[in-house]
Amino acid sequence: MEPARREKQNVAILVTSQMLFMVASITVMTLSGVVGQQLGPDPGLATLPIAMMMLGTVVSTLPASLYMKRVGRRRGFITGASLGGVAGGLLSFGAIWLESFWLFCAGSLLLGLYQGFAMYYRFAAADVASPAFRSRAISFVMAGGVAAAFLGPWNASAAIGLIAGVPSGAVGYAIMILVMTATPLAMRARGFEMSQVAFIMQWHVLGMFAPSFVTGSLIARFGVQRILLSGATLLIGTVLVANLGTSLAHFWVALVLLGVGWNFLFVGGSAMLSSVHNEAERGKVQGINDLIIFSLVAVGSLMAGQLLHHLGWEALNLAMLPLILLVALAIFWFSLKTQSQLASQTSDAAEP
């Protein structure tokens, strides 16, 4: 019983850490576009601070993984929170007070470093969990973001496995960040109050993390491929709803679907990835995975302001369809390869 209790205690610590990280992250995501629009020299640069945060994540995620492999998860998480979270938060606060757009971008870059370390909470959960508990442990850590759904926007207002797993997480995350980043700007352009923007962002974050209480169980019951396909389908629903209208209800439905779709793709991709490498490969595989993810996320967050400015809200969402279909095709390909391998193994076992 002692190992099982320690396993749950470690996961509980990671859940709390994930919750605090997501409170900070969602607060930044909710406000940075609006702050960037007010401080920036050009409307097209409104989402540059968010892109800088993602750039900080890109340049730190692989070194963070390798650093934690050498010194341990605990010291790595403390380093990221101190150098990135605390320093970045203070610098961003000072930038707003001084009305300095470029200083605000620098603070956002440091916050990205914090995110580069904090994104490994889910993999740390896989490390401390037994194989039977692993997918649920990842889900529980991601479920820590449920609290961020209330605290974040409220605070703002006040190999084969790699080829199927990485696109699911990377493209799904990039789409989610791009649309999420553009949402406050699109709503403000249509005359919505910040309280209404915060309401939509709150429900979006709930959609991102509330399913985590059951995503692991759904993966265990239905298989990771079906959950990934469900996530891609929900993202298609986001595009359709966003093009049906721009009322508060349309934004609400679209952003909730976006959040749930992201959850299925991200948790499913993480669970798949954790099963395709051994202990010696862990640091490199996880680091490369998150490097790819946040490279695309950085591009998405940088493009959000430009795409919204030049295309508009509806066309921006339509532009996501080819990427979503790419994810669906990758999942189908992985499913076919898995079925082919199982059939081959069954045939070989049946031969005398």
Protein backbone atom coordinates (compact mmCIF):
# COMPACT_ATOMS: atom_id res chain seq x y z
CA MET A 1 0.00 0.00 0.00
CA GLU A 2 2.92 2.35 0.68
CA PRO A 3 4.07 2.64 -2.99
CA ALA A 4 0.47 3.20 -4.11
CA ARG A 5 -0.01 5.97 -1.54
CA ARG A 6 3.25 7.65 -2.49
CA GLU A 7 2.27 7.40 -6.15
CA LYS A 8 -0.98 9.25 -5.47
CA GLN A 9 0.76 11.86 -3.31
CA ASN A 10 3.24 12.64 -6.08
CA VAL A 11 0.43 12.95 -8.61
CA ALA A 12 -1.45 15.27 -6.22
CA ILE A 13 1.62 17.54 -5.98
CA LEU A 14 1.85 17.63 -9.76
CA VAL A 15 -1.88 18.42 -10.04
CA THR A 16 -1.39 21.41 -7.73
CA SER A 17 1.66 22.57 -9.68
CA GLN A 18 -0.27 22.25 -12.95
CA MET A 19 -3.14 24.28 -11.50
CA LEU A 20 -0.88 27.15 -10.45
CA PHE A 21 0.94 27.10 -13.78
CA MET A 22 -2.31 27.21 -15.74
CA VAL A 23 -3.67 30.09 -13.64
CA ALA A 24 -0.63 32.09 -14.71
CA SER A 25 -0.72 30.87 -18.31
CA ILE A 26 -4.44 31.51 -18.90
CA THR A 27 -4.21 34.94 -17.30
CA VAL A 28 -1.42 35.82 -19.73
CA MET A 29 -3.29 34.35 -22.71
CA THR A 30 -6.45 36.27 -21.81
CA LEU A 31 -4.82 39.66 -21.37
CA SER A 32 -1.64 39.73 -23.47
CA GLY A 33 -3.37 40.30 -26.80
CA VAL A 34 -5.36 43.20 -25.39
CA VAL A 35 -2.32 44.68 -23.62
CA GLY A 36 -0.24 44.22 -26.77
CA GLN A 37 -2.89 46.02 -28.78
CA GLN A 38 -2.82 48.98 -26.36
CA LEU A 39 0.96 49.21 -26.05
CA GLY A 40 2.05 48.07 -29.50
CA PRO A 41 3.03 50.37 -32.36
CA ASP A 42 0.93 48.38 -34.87
CA PRO A 43 -2.38 46.45 -34.50
CA GLY A 44 -0.84 43.51 -36.35
CA LEU A 45 1.71 43.16 -33.54
CA ALA A 46 -0.96 42.77 -30.84
CA THR A 47 -0.23 39.08 -30.34
CA LEU A 48 3.57 39.41 -30.53
CA PRO A 49 3.92 39.14 -26.71
CA ILE A 50 2.13 35.78 -26.83
CA ALA A 51 4.37 34.70 -29.69
CA MET A 52 7.39 35.73 -27.61
CA MET A 53 6.12 33.60 -24.75
CA MET A 54 5.84 30.63 -27.12
CA LEU A 55 9.30 31.40 -28.50
CA GLY A 56 10.64 31.24 -24.95
CA THR A 57 8.99 27.85 -24.64
CA VAL A 58 10.47 26.67 -27.94
CA VAL A 59 14.06 27.57 -27.02
CA SER A 60 13.77 26.16 -23.49
CA THR A 61 11.72 22.99 -23.85
CA LEU A 62 14.44 20.62 -25.10
CA PRO A 63 17.15 22.02 -22.78
CA ALA A 64 14.62 21.79 -19.92
CA SER A 65 14.02 18.12 -20.61
CA LEU A 66 17.73 17.34 -20.79
CA TYR A 67 18.44 19.46 -17.70
CA MET A 68 15.80 17.64 -15.68
CA LYS A 69 17.17 14.30 -16.86
CA ARG A 70 20.49 15.32 -15.32
CA VAL A 71 19.40 17.06 -12.10
CA GLY A 72 15.92 15.61 -11.55
CA ARG A 73 12.36 16.84 -12.03
CA ARG A 74 12.12 18.71 -8.72
CA ARG A 75 15.17 20.93 -9.24
CA GLY A 76 14.18 21.52 -12.84
CA PHE A 77 10.66 22.65 -11.95
CA ILE A 78 12.01 25.00 -9.26
CA THR A 79 14.49 26.49 -11.73
CA GLY A 80 11.80 27.10 -14.34
CA ALA A 81 9.39 28.66 -11.86
CA SER A 82 12.05 30.96 -10.42
CA LEU A 83 13.89 32.15 -13.51
CA GLY A 84 10.88 32.14 -15.80
CA GLY A 85 7.71 32.51 -13.77
CA VAL A 86 8.73 34.93 -11.02
CA ALA A 87 11.21 36.99 -13.05
CA GLY A 88 8.98 37.06 -16.13
CA GLY A 89 5.93 38.07 -14.14
CA LEU A 90 7.76 40.93 -12.41
CA LEU A 91 9.25 42.17 -15.69
CA SER A 92 5.85 42.08 -17.43
CA PHE A 93 4.26 43.98 -14.54
CA GLY A 94 6.96 46.63 -14.74
CA ALA A 95 6.53 46.88 -18.51
CA ILE A 96 2.81 47.59 -18.19
CA TRP A 97 3.50 50.21 -15.53
CA LEU A 98 6.13 51.85 -17.78
CA GLU A 99 3.92 51.39 -20.87
CA SER A 100 6.80 49.67 -22.68
CA PHE A 101 5.68 47.24 -25.39
CA TRP A 102 9.13 45.75 -25.99
CA LEU A 103 9.80 45.28 -22.29
CA PHE A 104 6.46 43.51 -22.07
CA CYS A 105 7.60 41.21 -24.89
CA ALA A 106 10.78 40.46 -22.93
CA GLY A 107 8.76 39.56 -19.85
CA SER A 108 6.59 37.30 -21.98
CA LEU A 109 9.73 35.58 -23.29
CA LEU A 110 10.73 34.71 -19.72
CA LEU A 111 7.24 33.44 -18.99
CA GLY A 112 7.71 31.13 -21.95
CA LEU A 113 10.79 29.70 -20.25
CA TYR A 114 8.61 28.89 -17.24
CA GLN A 115 6.12 27.20 -19.53
CA GLY A 116 8.92 25.20 -21.17
CA PHE A 117 9.63 23.57 -17.80
CA ALA A 118 6.04 23.38 -16.52
CA MET A 119 4.76 21.48 -19.54
CA TYR A 120 6.66 18.43 -18.23
CA TYR A 121 4.30 18.06 -15.26
CA ARG A 122 2.27 15.60 -17.30
CA PHE A 123 5.33 13.51 -18.18
CA ALA A 124 6.45 13.63 -14.55
CA ALA A 125 3.08 12.09 -13.69
CA ALA A 126 3.78 9.29 -16.14
CA ASP A 127 7.19 8.76 -14.57
CA VAL A 128 5.87 8.34 -11.02
CA ALA A 129 2.80 6.28 -11.97
CA SER A 130 2.55 2.57 -12.52
CA PRO A 131 1.70 1.44 -16.08
CA ALA A 132 -1.93 0.73 -15.14
CA PHE A 133 -2.32 4.20 -13.60
CA ARG A 134 -0.27 6.14 -16.17
CA SER A 135 -2.95 7.49 -18.53
CA ARG A 136 -5.16 8.42 -15.57
CA ALA A 137 -2.25 10.16 -13.86
CA ILE A 138 -1.67 12.30 -16.97
CA SER A 139 -5.39 13.10 -17.07
CA PHE A 140 -5.48 14.08 -13.40
CA VAL A 141 -2.54 16.44 -13.86
CA MET A 142 -4.23 18.04 -16.85
CA ALA A 143 -7.44 18.24 -14.80
CA GLY A 144 -5.59 20.66 -12.54
CA GLY A 145 -6.42 23.23 -15.19
CA VAL A 146 -10.08 23.16 -14.12
CA ALA A 147 -9.25 25.54 -11.29
CA ALA A 148 -7.44 27.75 -13.81
CA ALA A 149 -10.72 28.05 -15.73
CA PHE A 150 -12.13 29.97 -12.77
CA LEU A 151 -9.02 31.67 -11.41
CA GLY A 152 -7.23 32.57 -14.65
CA PRO A 153 -9.90 34.51 -16.57
CA TRP A 154 -11.25 35.89 -13.30
CA ASN A 155 -7.79 37.22 -12.48
CA ALA A 156 -7.46 38.63 -15.98
CA SER A 157 -10.80 40.32 -15.82
CA ALA A 158 -9.89 41.41 -12.30
CA ALA A 159 8.58 6.71 -33.97
CA ILE A 160 5.15 5.34 -35.34
CA GLY A 161 3.98 6.53 -32.01
CA LEU A 162 5.84 9.80 -32.54
CA ILE A 163 4.41 10.20 -36.11
CA ALA A 164 0.82 9.83 -34.87
CA GLY A 165 1.26 11.25 -31.33
CA VAL A 166 3.30 14.38 -32.12
CA PRO A 167 1.02 15.85 -34.85
CA SER A 168 -2.01 15.33 -32.61
CA GLY A 169 -0.49 17.32 -29.79
CA ALA A 170 1.44 19.83 -31.89
CA VAL A 171 -1.14 20.75 -34.53
CA GLY A 172 -4.02 20.53 -32.07
CA TYR A 173 -2.19 22.82 -29.65
CA ALA A 174 -1.22 25.27 -32.41
CA ILE A 175 -4.82 25.50 -33.65
CA MET A 176 -6.13 25.95 -30.13
CA ILE A 177 -3.62 28.70 -29.30
CA LEU A 178 -4.20 30.54 -32.57
CA VAL A 179 -7.99 30.62 -32.21
CA MET A 180 -7.84 31.22 -28.47
CA THR A 181 -5.41 34.12 -28.91
CA ALA A 182 -7.56 35.70 -31.59
CA THR A 183 -10.82 35.34 -29.62
CA PRO A 184 -10.40 38.30 -27.20
CA LEU A 185 -9.44 40.57 -30.10
CA ALA A 186 -12.34 39.36 -32.25
CA MET A 187 -14.82 39.83 -29.42
CA ARG A 188 -13.55 43.29 -28.51
CA ALA A 189 -13.78 44.30 -32.18
CA ARG A 190 -17.47 43.35 -32.04
CA GLY A 191 -18.13 45.47 -28.96
CA PHE A 192 -18.12 42.82 -26.25
CA GLU A 193 -17.07 43.87 -22.75
CA MET A 194 -13.98 42.42 -21.05
CA SER A 195 -16.29 40.68 -18.57
CA GLN A 196 -17.90 38.86 -21.50
CA VAL A 197 -14.48 38.01 -22.95
CA ALA A 198 -13.46 36.60 -19.55
CA PHE A 199 -16.68 34.56 -19.41
CA ILE A 200 -15.94 32.97 -22.79
CA MET A 201 -12.31 32.31 -21.88
CA GLN A 202 -13.39 30.77 -18.59
CA TRP A 203 -15.65 28.28 -20.34
CA HIS A 204 -12.98 27.61 -22.93
CA VAL A 205 -10.48 26.67 -20.22
CA LEU A 206 -13.12 24.50 -18.55
CA GLY A 207 -13.51 22.75 -21.90
CA MET A 208 -9.74 22.29 -22.01
CA PHE A 209 -9.35 20.70 -18.59
CA ALA A 210 -12.66 19.46 -17.16
CA PRO A 211 -12.70 16.42 -19.51
CA SER A 212 -9.35 15.38 -18.01
CA PHE A 213 -11.22 13.73 -15.15
CA VAL A 214 -12.50 11.14 -17.63
CA THR A 215 -10.18 11.32 -20.65
CA GLY A 216 -7.83 8.69 -19.25
CA SER A 217 -10.74 6.33 -18.59
CA LEU A 218 -12.11 6.98 -22.07
CA ILE A 219 -8.72 6.14 -23.58
CA ALA A 220 -8.56 2.92 -21.57
CA ARG A 221 -12.08 1.95 -22.67
CA PHE A 222 -12.24 3.04 -26.31
CA GLY A 223 -8.60 3.27 -27.34
CA VAL A 224 -6.39 6.27 -27.99
CA GLN A 225 -7.15 6.43 -31.73
CA ARG A 226 -10.88 6.94 -31.20
CA ILE A 227 -10.27 9.67 -28.64
CA LEU A 228 -7.86 11.43 -31.01
CA LEU A 229 -10.39 11.26 -33.85
CA SER A 230 -13.07 12.61 -31.53
CA GLY A 231 -10.78 15.54 -30.72
CA ALA A 232 -10.26 16.30 -34.41
CA THR A 233 -14.02 16.12 -34.99
CA LEU A 234 -14.67 18.61 -32.19
CA LEU A 235 -12.19 21.05 -33.73
CA ILE A 236 -14.10 20.82 -37.00
CA GLY A 237 -17.21 21.67 -34.98
CA THR A 238 -15.42 24.78 -33.71
CA VAL A 239 -14.86 25.98 -37.27
CA LEU A 240 -18.48 25.36 -38.26
CA VAL A 241 -19.97 27.14 -35.23
CA ALA A 242 -17.61 30.10 -35.61
CA ASN A 243 -18.90 30.57 -39.17
CA LEU A 244 -22.57 30.39 -38.18
CA GLY A 245 -22.53 33.67 -36.28
CA THR A 246 -20.70 35.97 -33.88
CA SER A 247 -23.13 36.25 -30.99
CA LEU A 248 -22.00 35.52 -27.44
CA ALA A 249 -23.61 32.08 -27.73
CA HIS A 250 -21.66 31.30 -30.91
CA PHE A 251 -18.38 32.28 -29.28
CA TRP A 252 -19.30 30.19 -26.22
CA VAL A 253 -20.07 27.00 -28.16
CA ALA A 254 -17.08 27.39 -30.48
CA LEU A 255 -14.59 27.94 -27.66
CA VAL A 256 -15.96 25.09 -25.52
CA LEU A 257 -15.66 22.73 -28.50
CA LEU A 258 -12.15 24.04 -29.10
CA GLY A 259 -11.19 23.32 -25.50
CA VAL A 260 -12.58 19.78 -25.39
CA GLY A 261 -11.09 18.95 -28.78
CA TRP A 262 -7.69 20.16 -27.62
CA ASN A 263 -7.96 18.06 -24.46
CA PHE A 264 -8.66 14.85 -26.37
CA LEU A 265 -5.79 15.50 -28.79
CA PHE A 266 -3.27 16.61 -26.19
CA VAL A 267 -3.96 13.99 -23.52
CA GLY A 268 -4.30 11.28 -26.17
CA GLY A 269 -1.06 12.32 -27.85
CA SER A 270 0.77 12.46 -24.51
CA ALA A 271 -0.49 9.02 -23.50
CA MET A 272 0.56 7.61 -26.87
CA LEU A 273 3.98 9.21 -26.64
CA SER A 274 4.64 7.86 -23.14
CA SER A 275 4.25 4.31 -24.46
CA VAL A 276 6.72 4.45 -27.36
CA HIS A 277 10.06 5.12 -25.65
CA ASN A 278 12.18 3.45 -23.00
CA GLU A 279 13.79 5.04 -19.95
CA ALA A 280 17.01 5.92 -21.75
CA GLU A 281 15.14 7.68 -24.57
CA ARG A 282 12.73 9.58 -22.32
CA GLY A 283 14.55 12.92 -22.09
CA LYS A 284 15.23 13.23 -25.81
CA VAL A 285 11.83 11.98 -27.01
CA GLN A 286 9.82 14.16 -24.64
CA GLY A 287 12.07 17.14 -25.35
CA ILE A 288 11.77 16.78 -29.13
CA ASN A 289 8.00 16.33 -28.79
CA ASP A 290 7.56 19.58 -26.88
CA LEU A 291 10.07 21.38 -29.10
CA ILE A 292 7.90 20.54 -32.11
CA ILE A 293 4.71 21.42 -30.25
CA PHE A 294 5.82 24.84 -29.13
CA SER A 295 7.54 25.68 -32.39
CA LEU A 296 4.13 25.36 -34.06
CA VAL A 297 2.43 27.09 -31.13
CA ALA A 298 4.82 30.03 -31.42
CA VAL A 299 4.06 30.34 -35.13
CA GLY A 300 0.33 30.09 -34.42
CA SER A 301 0.33 32.74 -31.72
CA LEU A 302 2.40 35.09 -33.88
CA MET A 303 0.08 34.61 -36.86
CA ALA A 304 -3.10 35.09 -34.84
CA GLY A 305 -3.06 38.88 -34.89
CA GLN A 306 -2.09 39.06 -38.56
CA LEU A 307 -4.65 36.48 -39.70
CA LEU A 308 -7.43 38.10 -37.71
CA HIS A 309 -6.48 41.54 -39.02
CA HIS A 310 -6.34 40.48 -42.68
CA LEU A 311 -8.83 37.58 -42.89
CA GLY A 312 -11.38 38.23 -40.17
CA TRP A 313 -12.75 35.83 -37.55
CA GLU A 314 -14.70 33.53 -39.85
CA ALA A 315 -11.97 33.06 -42.47
CA LEU A 316 -9.35 32.55 -39.75
CA ASN A 317 -11.31 29.56 -38.47
CA LEU A 318 -11.80 28.17 -41.96
CA ALA A 319 -8.04 28.33 -42.48
CA MET A 320 -7.69 25.77 -39.68
CA LEU A 321 -9.56 23.04 -41.56
CA PRO A 322 -6.60 21.72 -43.63
CA LEU A 323 -4.52 21.34 -40.46
CA ILE A 324 -7.32 19.50 -38.68
CA LEU A 325 -7.71 17.14 -41.64
CA LEU A 326 -3.95 16.55 -41.56
CA VAL A 327 -4.25 15.40 -37.95
CA ALA A 328 -7.19 13.13 -38.82
CA LEU A 329 -5.23 11.54 -41.68
CA ALA A 330 -2.23 10.93 -39.40
CA ILE A 331 -4.50 9.21 -36.87
CA PHE A 332 -6.13 7.07 -39.58
CA TRP A 333 -2.68 6.10 -40.85
CA PHE A 334 -1.55 5.13 -37.37
CA SER A 335 -4.72 3.08 -36.84
CA LEU A 336 -4.22 1.18 -40.09
CA LYS A 337 -0.57 0.51 -39.28
CA THR A 338 -1.50 -0.76 -35.82
CA GLN A 339 -4.18 -3.08 -37.21
CA SER A 340 -1.74 -4.37 -39.85
CA GLN A 341 0.90 -5.10 -37.22
CA LEU A 342 -1.61 -6.89 -34.97
CA ALA A 343 -2.83 -9.00 -37.89
CA SER A 344 0.75 -9.91 -38.79
CA GLN A 345 1.56 -10.87 -35.21
CA THR A 346 -1.61 -12.98 -34.98
CA SER A 347 -0.75 -14.73 -38.25
CA ASP A 348 2.80 -15.45 -37.10
CA ALA A 349 1.55 -16.84 -33.79
CA ALA A 350 -0.90 -19.15 -35.58
CA GLU A 351 1.80 -20.72 -37.75
CA PRO A 352 3.12 -24.09 -36.43
